[in-house]
Amino acid sequence: MKLLSKERALDIGRGAYDHVVARTPLGAGNDATNPHNWHGTTYIGGVGIPTPSFFGDGTGVAGICVAQLRKDYEAKVEADGVTEEIDRLFLLAELTGQAGCGNCAEVTAAVIVWLMKHRVEGPIEKMSYADGDHTFCVLNRDWNTPVNEPAHWNEAAVYIDVWRRDLSLGRDMALRNRRNFGRFGAPAYGFTVNQRWERG
């Protein structure tokens, strides 16, 4: 397995992160902090503030966009008979960029496809919380390091999470995730590697 230097991995990770953030200006439909999901105005002391929609209710602009994106994706998969997982990944990334929105699964697909199109030398992984509902990308992790212990990943492993607006070294995200793992409903700290790719 060929690994990138820390500087190169961060630089490439930043390129993927910035590209996907720019291509998805509406953001996620299940993020209550996203202003594109807010409805109406609440007045407190005569000052109007935007009122967030119920977390994940899908009725904000971004939520409606993500719902339509998913319908379009399923329709295209069905109509074109897309069966290969890699083809589905590329299709999802393309539709995400066209729609301008995406929850964690969609923006993670877009990050991974950007890395593949740029022929990144280091290993690429699509990961999720083992018992939660959140997906993200890890670039350049040595597969011999324990997946559930990012504090022990090689120093050049890069965590790319567009949904959380986080790009950092894997070791740096370890403490934050230990402190905040419950945010996505995960009852225990742990990761699952859903897919991995390496240029051969």
N, C-alpha and C. Protein backbone atom coordinates (compact mmCIF):
# COMPACT_ATOMS: atom_id res chain seq x y z
N MET A 1 0.85 -1.17 0.00
CA MET A 1 0.00 0.00 0.00
C MET A 1 0.90 1.24 0.00
N LYS A 2 0.62 2.14 -0.92
CA LYS A 2 1.38 3.38 -1.02
C LYS A 2 0.69 4.47 -0.21
N LEU A 3 1.43 5.10 0.69
CA LEU A 3 0.88 6.18 1.51
C LEU A 3 1.49 7.51 1.11
N LEU A 4 0.70 8.54 1.22
CA LEU A 4 1.13 9.90 0.90
C LEU A 4 1.79 10.54 2.12
N SER A 5 2.57 11.58 1.89
CA SER A 5 3.10 12.35 3.01
C SER A 5 1.94 13.09 3.67
N LYS A 6 2.13 13.51 4.90
CA LYS A 6 1.08 14.23 5.61
C LYS A 6 0.69 15.51 4.87
N GLU A 7 1.68 16.26 4.40
CA GLU A 7 1.40 17.52 3.70
C GLU A 7 0.62 17.27 2.42
N ARG A 8 1.03 16.24 1.66
CA ARG A 8 0.35 15.93 0.40
C ARG A 8 -1.07 15.44 0.65
N ALA A 9 -1.25 14.60 1.66
CA ALA A 9 -2.59 14.08 1.97
C ALA A 9 -3.52 15.21 2.40
N LEU A 10 -3.03 16.12 3.23
CA LEU A 10 -3.86 17.26 3.65
C LEU A 10 -4.20 18.17 2.47
N ASP A 11 -3.23 18.38 1.59
CA ASP A 11 -3.44 19.23 0.42
C ASP A 11 -4.51 18.63 -0.50
N ILE A 12 -4.39 17.34 -0.76
CA ILE A 12 -5.37 16.66 -1.62
C ILE A 12 -6.74 16.62 -0.94
N GLY A 13 -6.75 16.31 0.36
CA GLY A 13 -8.00 16.31 1.10
C GLY A 13 -8.69 17.66 1.07
N ARG A 14 -7.91 18.73 1.18
CA ARG A 14 -8.45 20.09 1.11
C ARG A 14 -9.06 20.35 -0.26
N GLY A 15 -8.40 19.87 -1.32
CA GLY A 15 -8.94 20.05 -2.67
C GLY A 15 -10.30 19.39 -2.82
N ALA A 16 -10.43 18.15 -2.34
CA ALA A 16 -11.70 17.43 -2.41
C ALA A 16 -12.76 18.12 -1.57
N TYR A 17 -12.40 18.48 -0.36
CA TYR A 17 -13.33 19.14 0.57
C TYR A 17 -13.85 20.45 -0.03
N ASP A 18 -12.93 21.31 -0.47
CA ASP A 18 -13.33 22.61 -1.02
C ASP A 18 -14.21 22.46 -2.26
N HIS A 19 -13.87 21.48 -3.11
CA HIS A 19 -14.65 21.25 -4.33
C HIS A 19 -16.10 20.89 -3.98
N VAL A 20 -16.27 19.96 -3.06
CA VAL A 20 -17.61 19.49 -2.73
C VAL A 20 -18.40 20.57 -1.99
N VAL A 21 -17.77 21.30 -1.09
CA VAL A 21 -18.47 22.40 -0.40
C VAL A 21 -18.96 23.42 -1.43
N ALA A 22 -18.12 23.74 -2.40
CA ALA A 22 -18.51 24.72 -3.44
C ALA A 22 -19.64 24.20 -4.32
N ARG A 23 -19.66 22.88 -4.57
CA ARG A 23 -20.68 22.30 -5.45
C ARG A 23 -22.01 22.02 -4.74
N THR A 24 -22.03 22.12 -3.41
CA THR A 24 -23.26 21.84 -2.66
C THR A 24 -23.62 23.03 -1.76
N PRO A 25 -23.91 24.19 -2.36
CA PRO A 25 -24.16 25.40 -1.55
C PRO A 25 -25.39 25.32 -0.65
N LEU A 26 -26.36 24.47 -0.99
CA LEU A 26 -27.54 24.35 -0.13
C LEU A 26 -27.27 23.50 1.10
N GLY A 27 -26.21 22.71 1.06
CA GLY A 27 -25.84 21.90 2.22
C GLY A 27 -26.75 20.72 2.44
N ALA A 28 -26.84 20.31 3.71
CA ALA A 28 -27.57 19.10 4.09
C ALA A 28 -29.00 19.41 4.48
N GLY A 29 -29.88 18.48 4.19
CA GLY A 29 -31.29 18.63 4.54
C GLY A 29 -31.60 18.18 5.95
N ASN A 30 -30.66 17.49 6.60
CA ASN A 30 -30.91 17.00 7.95
C ASN A 30 -30.01 17.69 8.97
N ASP A 31 -29.63 18.93 8.70
CA ASP A 31 -28.78 19.70 9.59
C ASP A 31 -29.55 20.92 10.08
N ALA A 32 -29.93 20.91 11.36
CA ALA A 32 -30.74 22.00 11.91
C ALA A 32 -29.98 23.32 11.97
N THR A 33 -28.65 23.29 11.86
CA THR A 33 -27.88 24.54 11.87
C THR A 33 -27.77 25.16 10.48
N ASN A 34 -28.25 24.47 9.47
CA ASN A 34 -28.19 24.95 8.08
C ASN A 34 -29.32 25.96 7.85
N PRO A 35 -29.00 27.23 7.57
CA PRO A 35 -30.05 28.23 7.35
C PRO A 35 -31.01 27.89 6.20
N HIS A 36 -30.58 27.04 5.27
CA HIS A 36 -31.45 26.63 4.17
C HIS A 36 -32.56 25.68 4.63
N ASN A 37 -32.56 25.33 5.91
CA ASN A 37 -33.61 24.49 6.48
C ASN A 37 -34.53 25.26 7.41
N TRP A 38 -34.30 26.54 7.58
CA TRP A 38 -35.07 27.31 8.55
C TRP A 38 -36.37 27.82 7.95
N HIS A 39 -37.38 27.94 8.82
CA HIS A 39 -38.71 28.41 8.43
C HIS A 39 -39.10 29.60 9.29
N GLY A 40 -39.72 30.57 8.67
CA GLY A 40 -40.35 31.65 9.41
C GLY A 40 -39.43 32.44 10.31
N THR A 41 -40.04 33.16 11.21
CA THR A 41 -39.31 34.03 12.13
C THR A 41 -39.94 33.94 13.50
N THR A 42 -39.10 33.87 14.51
CA THR A 42 -39.55 33.94 15.89
C THR A 42 -39.11 35.29 16.43
N TYR A 43 -40.01 35.96 17.15
CA TYR A 43 -39.68 37.27 17.70
C TYR A 43 -39.40 37.15 19.18
N ILE A 44 -38.22 37.60 19.56
CA ILE A 44 -37.82 37.61 20.96
C ILE A 44 -37.42 39.03 21.30
N GLY A 45 -38.17 39.66 22.20
CA GLY A 45 -37.88 41.04 22.56
C GLY A 45 -37.98 41.98 21.38
N GLY A 46 -38.89 41.68 20.45
CA GLY A 46 -39.08 42.52 19.28
C GLY A 46 -38.07 42.30 18.18
N VAL A 47 -37.13 41.37 18.39
CA VAL A 47 -36.11 41.07 17.37
C VAL A 47 -36.48 39.76 16.69
N GLY A 48 -36.57 39.78 15.37
CA GLY A 48 -36.90 38.57 14.62
C GLY A 48 -35.67 37.74 14.34
N ILE A 49 -35.75 36.44 14.66
CA ILE A 49 -34.65 35.53 14.34
C ILE A 49 -35.22 34.37 13.53
N PRO A 50 -34.44 33.85 12.56
CA PRO A 50 -34.92 32.70 11.79
C PRO A 50 -35.18 31.51 12.70
N THR A 51 -36.23 30.78 12.43
CA THR A 51 -36.60 29.63 13.24
C THR A 51 -36.22 28.35 12.50
N PRO A 52 -35.35 27.52 13.09
CA PRO A 52 -35.00 26.27 12.42
C PRO A 52 -36.20 25.34 12.32
N SER A 53 -36.23 24.57 11.24
CA SER A 53 -37.24 23.52 11.13
C SER A 53 -36.86 22.41 12.09
N PHE A 54 -37.75 21.50 12.32
CA PHE A 54 -37.45 20.34 13.15
C PHE A 54 -36.30 19.58 12.52
N PHE A 55 -35.32 19.19 13.33
CA PHE A 55 -34.12 18.51 12.83
C PHE A 55 -34.51 17.32 11.96
N GLY A 56 -34.09 17.36 10.72
CA GLY A 56 -34.29 16.23 9.82
C GLY A 56 -35.69 16.07 9.28
N ASP A 57 -36.55 17.09 9.44
CA ASP A 57 -37.92 16.92 8.96
C ASP A 57 -38.05 17.05 7.45
N GLY A 58 -37.00 17.56 6.78
CA GLY A 58 -36.98 17.59 5.32
C GLY A 58 -37.87 18.61 4.68
N THR A 59 -38.39 19.57 5.45
CA THR A 59 -39.30 20.55 4.86
C THR A 59 -38.63 21.86 4.49
N GLY A 60 -37.36 22.04 4.84
CA GLY A 60 -36.63 23.23 4.43
C GLY A 60 -36.17 23.09 2.99
N VAL A 61 -35.61 24.15 2.44
CA VAL A 61 -35.15 24.14 1.04
C VAL A 61 -34.14 23.02 0.81
N ALA A 62 -33.16 22.89 1.71
CA ALA A 62 -32.15 21.85 1.55
C ALA A 62 -32.76 20.46 1.69
N GLY A 63 -33.70 20.30 2.63
CA GLY A 63 -34.35 19.01 2.81
C GLY A 63 -35.14 18.58 1.59
N ILE A 64 -35.84 19.52 0.98
CA ILE A 64 -36.60 19.23 -0.24
C ILE A 64 -35.64 18.88 -1.38
N CYS A 65 -34.52 19.61 -1.45
CA CYS A 65 -33.51 19.34 -2.48
C CYS A 65 -32.95 17.93 -2.33
N VAL A 66 -32.61 17.53 -1.10
CA VAL A 66 -32.05 16.19 -0.87
C VAL A 66 -33.08 15.12 -1.20
N ALA A 67 -34.33 15.33 -0.82
CA ALA A 67 -35.38 14.35 -1.14
C ALA A 67 -35.51 14.17 -2.65
N GLN A 68 -35.47 15.26 -3.40
CA GLN A 68 -35.56 15.18 -4.86
C GLN A 68 -34.31 14.51 -5.45
N LEU A 69 -33.15 14.84 -4.90
CA LEU A 69 -31.90 14.22 -5.34
C LEU A 69 -31.98 12.70 -5.19
N ARG A 70 -32.48 12.24 -4.07
CA ARG A 70 -32.58 10.80 -3.83
C ARG A 70 -33.59 10.14 -4.77
N LYS A 71 -34.69 10.82 -5.04
CA LYS A 71 -35.66 10.30 -6.02
C LYS A 71 -35.04 10.21 -7.40
N ASP A 72 -34.32 11.26 -7.79
CA ASP A 72 -33.67 11.28 -9.11
C ASP A 72 -32.63 10.17 -9.21
N TYR A 73 -31.89 9.96 -8.14
CA TYR A 73 -30.86 8.91 -8.11
C TYR A 73 -31.50 7.53 -8.28
N GLU A 74 -32.52 7.25 -7.49
CA GLU A 74 -33.19 5.95 -7.59
C GLU A 74 -33.81 5.73 -8.97
N ALA A 75 -34.41 6.78 -9.53
CA ALA A 75 -35.01 6.67 -10.86
C ALA A 75 -33.95 6.39 -11.92
N LYS A 76 -32.81 7.05 -11.82
CA LYS A 76 -31.72 6.86 -12.80
C LYS A 76 -31.11 5.46 -12.66
N VAL A 77 -30.92 5.01 -11.44
CA VAL A 77 -30.41 3.65 -11.21
C VAL A 77 -31.34 2.63 -11.84
N GLU A 78 -32.64 2.82 -11.62
CA GLU A 78 -33.65 1.90 -12.17
C GLU A 78 -33.70 1.98 -13.69
N ALA A 79 -33.78 3.18 -14.23
CA ALA A 79 -33.92 3.36 -15.68
C ALA A 79 -32.71 2.87 -16.45
N ASP A 80 -31.51 3.12 -15.90
CA ASP A 80 -30.28 2.74 -16.60
C ASP A 80 -29.76 1.37 -16.19
N GLY A 81 -30.40 0.74 -15.22
CA GLY A 81 -29.96 -0.57 -14.76
C GLY A 81 -28.57 -0.55 -14.15
N VAL A 82 -28.28 0.48 -13.36
CA VAL A 82 -26.96 0.62 -12.74
C VAL A 82 -26.86 -0.37 -11.59
N THR A 83 -25.98 -1.36 -11.73
CA THR A 83 -25.86 -2.39 -10.70
C THR A 83 -24.52 -2.38 -9.98
N GLU A 84 -23.46 -1.94 -10.65
CA GLU A 84 -22.14 -1.94 -10.03
C GLU A 84 -22.04 -0.84 -8.99
N GLU A 85 -21.49 -1.17 -7.83
CA GLU A 85 -21.38 -0.21 -6.73
C GLU A 85 -20.57 1.03 -7.13
N ILE A 86 -19.50 0.84 -7.87
CA ILE A 86 -18.67 1.98 -8.27
C ILE A 86 -19.44 2.90 -9.23
N ASP A 87 -20.24 2.32 -10.10
CA ASP A 87 -21.06 3.13 -11.02
C ASP A 87 -22.12 3.91 -10.25
N ARG A 88 -22.68 3.30 -9.22
CA ARG A 88 -23.67 3.98 -8.38
C ARG A 88 -23.02 5.16 -7.64
N LEU A 89 -21.79 4.94 -7.18
CA LEU A 89 -21.06 6.00 -6.48
C LEU A 89 -20.83 7.20 -7.39
N PHE A 90 -20.37 6.94 -8.61
CA PHE A 90 -20.12 8.02 -9.57
C PHE A 90 -21.42 8.73 -9.94
N LEU A 91 -22.50 7.98 -10.11
CA LEU A 91 -23.80 8.58 -10.43
C LEU A 91 -24.27 9.48 -9.29
N LEU A 92 -24.17 8.98 -8.06
CA LEU A 92 -24.61 9.77 -6.91
C LEU A 92 -23.79 11.06 -6.79
N ALA A 93 -22.49 10.97 -7.01
CA ALA A 93 -21.64 12.17 -6.94
C ALA A 93 -22.03 13.18 -8.02
N GLU A 94 -22.30 12.69 -9.22
CA GLU A 94 -22.69 13.58 -10.32
C GLU A 94 -24.01 14.29 -10.01
N LEU A 95 -25.00 13.53 -9.56
CA LEU A 95 -26.30 14.12 -9.26
C LEU A 95 -26.23 15.07 -8.07
N THR A 96 -25.36 14.78 -7.11
CA THR A 96 -25.18 15.66 -5.95
C THR A 96 -24.67 17.02 -6.39
N GLY A 97 -23.67 17.02 -7.27
CA GLY A 97 -23.14 18.28 -7.79
C GLY A 97 -24.17 19.05 -8.58
N GLN A 98 -24.99 18.34 -9.36
CA GLN A 98 -26.03 19.01 -10.14
C GLN A 98 -27.11 19.61 -9.24
N ALA A 99 -27.46 18.89 -8.18
CA ALA A 99 -28.52 19.35 -7.28
C ALA A 99 -28.07 20.50 -6.38
N GLY A 100 -26.80 20.48 -6.00
CA GLY A 100 -26.28 21.53 -5.12
C GLY A 100 -26.57 21.31 -3.65
N CYS A 101 -26.89 20.06 -3.28
CA CYS A 101 -27.19 19.74 -1.89
C CYS A 101 -26.78 18.29 -1.64
N GLY A 102 -26.83 17.89 -0.38
CA GLY A 102 -26.54 16.50 -0.06
C GLY A 102 -26.35 16.30 1.43
N ASN A 103 -26.88 15.19 1.91
CA ASN A 103 -26.61 14.79 3.28
C ASN A 103 -25.26 14.06 3.29
N CYS A 104 -24.91 13.43 4.38
CA CYS A 104 -23.56 12.86 4.50
C CYS A 104 -23.25 11.83 3.42
N ALA A 105 -24.18 10.96 3.08
CA ALA A 105 -23.90 9.93 2.07
C ALA A 105 -23.59 10.54 0.71
N GLU A 106 -24.35 11.56 0.35
CA GLU A 106 -24.18 12.18 -0.97
C GLU A 106 -22.86 12.95 -1.06
N VAL A 107 -22.56 13.76 -0.03
CA VAL A 107 -21.32 14.55 -0.11
C VAL A 107 -20.09 13.67 0.06
N THR A 108 -20.21 12.57 0.79
CA THR A 108 -19.09 11.63 0.90
C THR A 108 -18.82 10.97 -0.45
N ALA A 109 -19.87 10.60 -1.17
CA ALA A 109 -19.69 10.05 -2.52
C ALA A 109 -18.98 11.05 -3.41
N ALA A 110 -19.36 12.32 -3.32
CA ALA A 110 -18.74 13.36 -4.15
C ALA A 110 -17.26 13.53 -3.80
N VAL A 111 -16.91 13.46 -2.52
CA VAL A 111 -15.50 13.55 -2.10
C VAL A 111 -14.71 12.38 -2.68
N ILE A 112 -15.23 11.18 -2.53
CA ILE A 112 -14.52 9.98 -2.99
C ILE A 112 -14.32 10.02 -4.50
N VAL A 113 -15.34 10.41 -5.24
CA VAL A 113 -15.22 10.48 -6.70
C VAL A 113 -14.20 11.54 -7.10
N TRP A 114 -14.18 12.68 -6.42
CA TRP A 114 -13.18 13.71 -6.71
C TRP A 114 -11.78 13.14 -6.52
N LEU A 115 -11.57 12.41 -5.43
CA LEU A 115 -10.26 11.80 -5.17
C LEU A 115 -9.90 10.79 -6.25
N MET A 116 -10.86 9.99 -6.67
CA MET A 116 -10.60 9.00 -7.72
C MET A 116 -10.29 9.67 -9.05
N LYS A 117 -11.05 10.70 -9.40
CA LYS A 117 -10.81 11.39 -10.67
C LYS A 117 -9.45 12.08 -10.69
N HIS A 118 -8.95 12.44 -9.53
CA HIS A 118 -7.63 13.07 -9.44
C HIS A 118 -6.53 12.03 -9.20
N ARG A 119 -6.89 10.76 -9.36
CA ARG A 119 -5.94 9.66 -9.32
C ARG A 119 -5.03 9.70 -8.10
N VAL A 120 -5.64 9.86 -6.96
CA VAL A 120 -4.90 9.93 -5.70
C VAL A 120 -4.20 8.60 -5.45
N GLU A 121 -2.96 8.68 -5.04
CA GLU A 121 -2.15 7.48 -4.80
C GLU A 121 -2.51 6.77 -3.49
N GLY A 122 -2.87 7.52 -2.47
CA GLY A 122 -3.14 6.93 -1.16
C GLY A 122 -4.47 6.20 -1.11
N PRO A 123 -4.63 5.31 -0.11
CA PRO A 123 -5.89 4.58 0.04
C PRO A 123 -7.05 5.50 0.44
N ILE A 124 -8.23 5.17 -0.05
CA ILE A 124 -9.46 5.94 0.20
C ILE A 124 -10.46 5.00 0.87
N GLU A 125 -11.10 5.48 1.94
CA GLU A 125 -12.09 4.66 2.62
C GLU A 125 -13.38 5.44 2.84
N LYS A 126 -14.49 4.76 2.63
CA LYS A 126 -15.81 5.28 3.00
C LYS A 126 -16.14 4.62 4.33
N MET A 127 -16.31 5.43 5.37
CA MET A 127 -16.56 4.90 6.70
C MET A 127 -17.88 5.43 7.24
N SER A 128 -18.37 4.76 8.28
CA SER A 128 -19.54 5.25 8.99
C SER A 128 -19.39 4.90 10.46
N TYR A 129 -20.20 5.55 11.29
CA TYR A 129 -20.23 5.16 12.69
C TYR A 129 -20.82 3.76 12.76
N ALA A 130 -20.23 2.90 13.57
CA ALA A 130 -20.63 1.50 13.61
C ALA A 130 -22.09 1.34 13.99
N ASP A 131 -22.57 2.12 14.92
CA ASP A 131 -23.95 1.98 15.38
C ASP A 131 -24.73 3.27 15.22
N GLY A 132 -24.34 4.08 14.25
CA GLY A 132 -25.00 5.36 14.05
C GLY A 132 -25.39 5.56 12.60
N ASP A 133 -25.71 6.77 12.27
CA ASP A 133 -26.18 7.08 10.93
C ASP A 133 -25.39 8.26 10.38
N HIS A 134 -24.11 8.02 10.10
CA HIS A 134 -23.28 9.09 9.55
C HIS A 134 -22.15 8.47 8.74
N THR A 135 -21.90 9.04 7.56
CA THR A 135 -20.88 8.55 6.64
C THR A 135 -19.87 9.65 6.37
N PHE A 136 -18.61 9.26 6.18
CA PHE A 136 -17.54 10.21 5.90
C PHE A 136 -16.42 9.49 5.16
N CYS A 137 -15.40 10.24 4.75
CA CYS A 137 -14.27 9.68 4.00
C CYS A 137 -13.00 9.79 4.82
N VAL A 138 -12.16 8.78 4.73
CA VAL A 138 -10.82 8.83 5.32
C VAL A 138 -9.84 8.55 4.19
N LEU A 139 -8.89 9.44 4.05
CA LEU A 139 -7.85 9.33 3.02
C LEU A 139 -6.53 8.97 3.67
N ASN A 140 -5.84 8.00 3.07
CA ASN A 140 -4.44 7.74 3.41
C ASN A 140 -4.24 7.03 4.75
N ARG A 141 -5.25 6.31 5.23
CA ARG A 141 -5.06 5.54 6.47
C ARG A 141 -4.37 4.24 6.15
N ASP A 142 -3.34 3.93 6.93
CA ASP A 142 -2.67 2.63 6.81
C ASP A 142 -3.65 1.58 7.31
N TRP A 143 -4.02 0.64 6.46
CA TRP A 143 -5.03 -0.35 6.81
C TRP A 143 -4.56 -1.31 7.89
N ASN A 144 -3.30 -1.24 8.25
CA ASN A 144 -2.79 -2.06 9.35
C ASN A 144 -3.04 -1.41 10.71
N THR A 145 -3.50 -0.17 10.72
CA THR A 145 -3.82 0.50 11.98
C THR A 145 -5.26 0.17 12.37
N PRO A 146 -5.57 0.17 13.67
CA PRO A 146 -6.92 -0.21 14.10
C PRO A 146 -7.97 0.82 13.68
N VAL A 147 -8.98 0.36 12.97
CA VAL A 147 -10.00 1.27 12.42
C VAL A 147 -10.73 2.04 13.52
N ASN A 148 -10.93 1.44 14.67
CA ASN A 148 -11.70 2.08 15.74
C ASN A 148 -10.86 2.94 16.67
N GLU A 149 -9.59 3.13 16.33
CA GLU A 149 -8.73 3.94 17.18
C GLU A 149 -7.99 4.99 16.35
N PRO A 150 -8.70 6.05 15.93
CA PRO A 150 -8.05 7.06 15.10
C PRO A 150 -6.86 7.73 15.76
N ALA A 151 -6.80 7.69 17.09
CA ALA A 151 -5.63 8.23 17.79
C ALA A 151 -4.38 7.43 17.44
N HIS A 152 -4.57 6.21 16.95
CA HIS A 152 -3.43 5.35 16.60
C HIS A 152 -3.26 5.18 15.09
N TRP A 153 -4.04 5.92 14.31
CA TRP A 153 -3.84 5.88 12.86
C TRP A 153 -2.49 6.52 12.54
N ASN A 154 -1.98 6.20 11.37
CA ASN A 154 -0.74 6.84 10.93
C ASN A 154 -0.96 8.35 10.88
N GLU A 155 0.11 9.10 11.11
CA GLU A 155 -0.04 10.56 11.26
C GLU A 155 -0.51 11.26 9.99
N ALA A 156 -0.45 10.59 8.84
CA ALA A 156 -0.86 11.23 7.58
C ALA A 156 -2.27 10.84 7.14
N ALA A 157 -3.02 10.13 8.00
CA ALA A 157 -4.41 9.80 7.67
C ALA A 157 -5.25 11.07 7.80
N VAL A 158 -6.14 11.31 6.82
CA VAL A 158 -6.93 12.55 6.79
C VAL A 158 -8.43 12.21 6.83
N TYR A 159 -9.13 12.87 7.75
CA TYR A 159 -10.57 12.72 7.94
C TYR A 159 -11.25 13.83 7.15
N ILE A 160 -12.13 13.46 6.19
CA ILE A 160 -12.83 14.43 5.35
C ILE A 160 -14.33 14.24 5.56
N ASP A 161 -14.95 15.22 6.20
CA ASP A 161 -16.36 15.12 6.54
C ASP A 161 -17.05 16.43 6.15
N VAL A 162 -17.54 16.50 4.92
CA VAL A 162 -18.16 17.73 4.42
C VAL A 162 -19.43 18.04 5.21
N TRP A 163 -20.20 17.03 5.58
CA TRP A 163 -21.44 17.27 6.32
C TRP A 163 -21.16 18.03 7.61
N ARG A 164 -20.13 17.60 8.35
CA ARG A 164 -19.76 18.26 9.61
C ARG A 164 -18.87 19.47 9.38
N ARG A 165 -18.54 19.75 8.13
CA ARG A 165 -17.63 20.84 7.79
C ARG A 165 -16.31 20.67 8.53
N ASP A 166 -15.75 19.46 8.41
CA ASP A 166 -14.53 19.12 9.12
C ASP A 166 -13.53 18.44 8.19
N LEU A 167 -12.35 18.98 8.16
CA LEU A 167 -11.21 18.37 7.46
C LEU A 167 -10.06 18.43 8.44
N SER A 168 -9.53 17.28 8.83
CA SER A 168 -8.45 17.28 9.81
C SER A 168 -7.67 15.98 9.70
N LEU A 169 -6.55 15.94 10.38
CA LEU A 169 -5.83 14.68 10.49
C LEU A 169 -6.68 13.73 11.31
N GLY A 170 -6.60 12.46 10.99
CA GLY A 170 -7.39 11.47 11.71
C GLY A 170 -7.14 11.49 13.20
N ARG A 171 -5.87 11.66 13.58
CA ARG A 171 -5.54 11.69 15.00
C ARG A 171 -6.19 12.89 15.70
N ASP A 172 -6.30 14.01 14.99
CA ASP A 172 -6.89 15.21 15.58
C ASP A 172 -8.39 15.06 15.81
N MET A 173 -9.06 14.29 14.96
CA MET A 173 -10.51 14.15 15.11
C MET A 173 -10.87 13.13 16.18
N ALA A 174 -9.92 12.35 16.64
CA ALA A 174 -10.21 11.29 17.60
C ALA A 174 -10.82 11.84 18.89
N LEU A 175 -10.22 12.86 19.46
CA LEU A 175 -10.72 13.41 20.72
C LEU A 175 -12.10 14.03 20.54
N ARG A 176 -12.30 14.77 19.44
CA ARG A 176 -13.61 15.38 19.19
C ARG A 176 -14.68 14.30 19.09
N ASN A 177 -14.38 13.22 18.39
CA ASN A 177 -15.39 12.18 18.20
C ASN A 177 -15.66 11.42 19.50
N ARG A 178 -14.65 11.22 20.31
CA ARG A 178 -14.88 10.55 21.59
C ARG A 178 -15.81 11.40 22.46
N ARG A 179 -15.66 12.71 22.36
CA ARG A 179 -16.46 13.63 23.16
C ARG A 179 -17.87 13.76 22.59
N ASN A 180 -18.00 13.67 21.25
CA ASN A 180 -19.27 13.98 20.58
C ASN A 180 -19.90 12.81 19.85
N PHE A 181 -19.46 11.57 20.11
CA PHE A 181 -19.94 10.46 19.28
C PHE A 181 -21.45 10.30 19.32
N GLY A 182 -22.10 10.68 20.40
CA GLY A 182 -23.54 10.51 20.51
C GLY A 182 -24.34 11.43 19.61
N ARG A 183 -23.70 12.42 19.01
CA ARG A 183 -24.42 13.38 18.17
C ARG A 183 -25.19 12.70 17.05
N PHE A 184 -24.68 11.61 16.53
CA PHE A 184 -25.34 10.93 15.41
C PHE A 184 -26.07 9.68 15.86
N GLY A 185 -26.31 9.54 17.15
CA GLY A 185 -27.08 8.41 17.64
C GLY A 185 -26.27 7.16 17.88
N ALA A 186 -24.94 7.25 17.82
CA ALA A 186 -24.11 6.07 18.02
C ALA A 186 -24.01 5.76 19.51
N PRO A 187 -24.45 4.57 19.95
CA PRO A 187 -24.38 4.25 21.37
C PRO A 187 -22.97 3.94 21.84
N ALA A 188 -22.07 3.65 20.94
CA ALA A 188 -20.69 3.36 21.30
C ALA A 188 -19.77 3.92 20.23
N TYR A 189 -18.56 4.24 20.64
CA TYR A 189 -17.57 4.78 19.72
C TYR A 189 -17.03 3.67 18.85
N GLY A 190 -17.15 3.80 17.56
CA GLY A 190 -16.61 2.80 16.66
C GLY A 190 -16.93 3.14 15.23
N PHE A 191 -16.09 2.69 14.33
CA PHE A 191 -16.27 2.93 12.91
C PHE A 191 -16.45 1.61 12.17
N THR A 192 -17.14 1.69 11.05
CA THR A 192 -17.24 0.58 10.12
C THR A 192 -16.68 1.05 8.79
N VAL A 193 -15.81 0.26 8.20
CA VAL A 193 -15.32 0.57 6.85
C VAL A 193 -16.31 -0.03 5.88
N ASN A 194 -17.04 0.84 5.17
CA ASN A 194 -18.04 0.36 4.22
C ASN A 194 -17.41 -0.07 2.90
N GLN A 195 -16.45 0.71 2.43
CA GLN A 195 -15.75 0.40 1.19
C GLN A 195 -14.36 1.00 1.25
N ARG A 196 -13.43 0.39 0.53
CA ARG A 196 -12.08 0.95 0.43
C ARG A 196 -11.54 0.75 -0.98
N TRP A 197 -10.75 1.70 -1.37
CA TRP A 197 -10.16 1.67 -2.70
C TRP A 197 -8.68 2.04 -2.60
N GLU A 198 -7.91 1.45 -3.50
CA GLU A 198 -6.50 1.80 -3.61
C GLU A 198 -6.10 1.69 -5.07
N ARG A 199 -5.41 2.70 -5.55
CA ARG A 199 -4.95 2.65 -6.94
C ARG A 199 -3.94 1.54 -7.09
N GLY A 200 -4.17 0.67 -8.07
CA GLY A 200 -3.29 -0.47 -8.24
C GLY A 200 -2.31 -0.32 -9.25
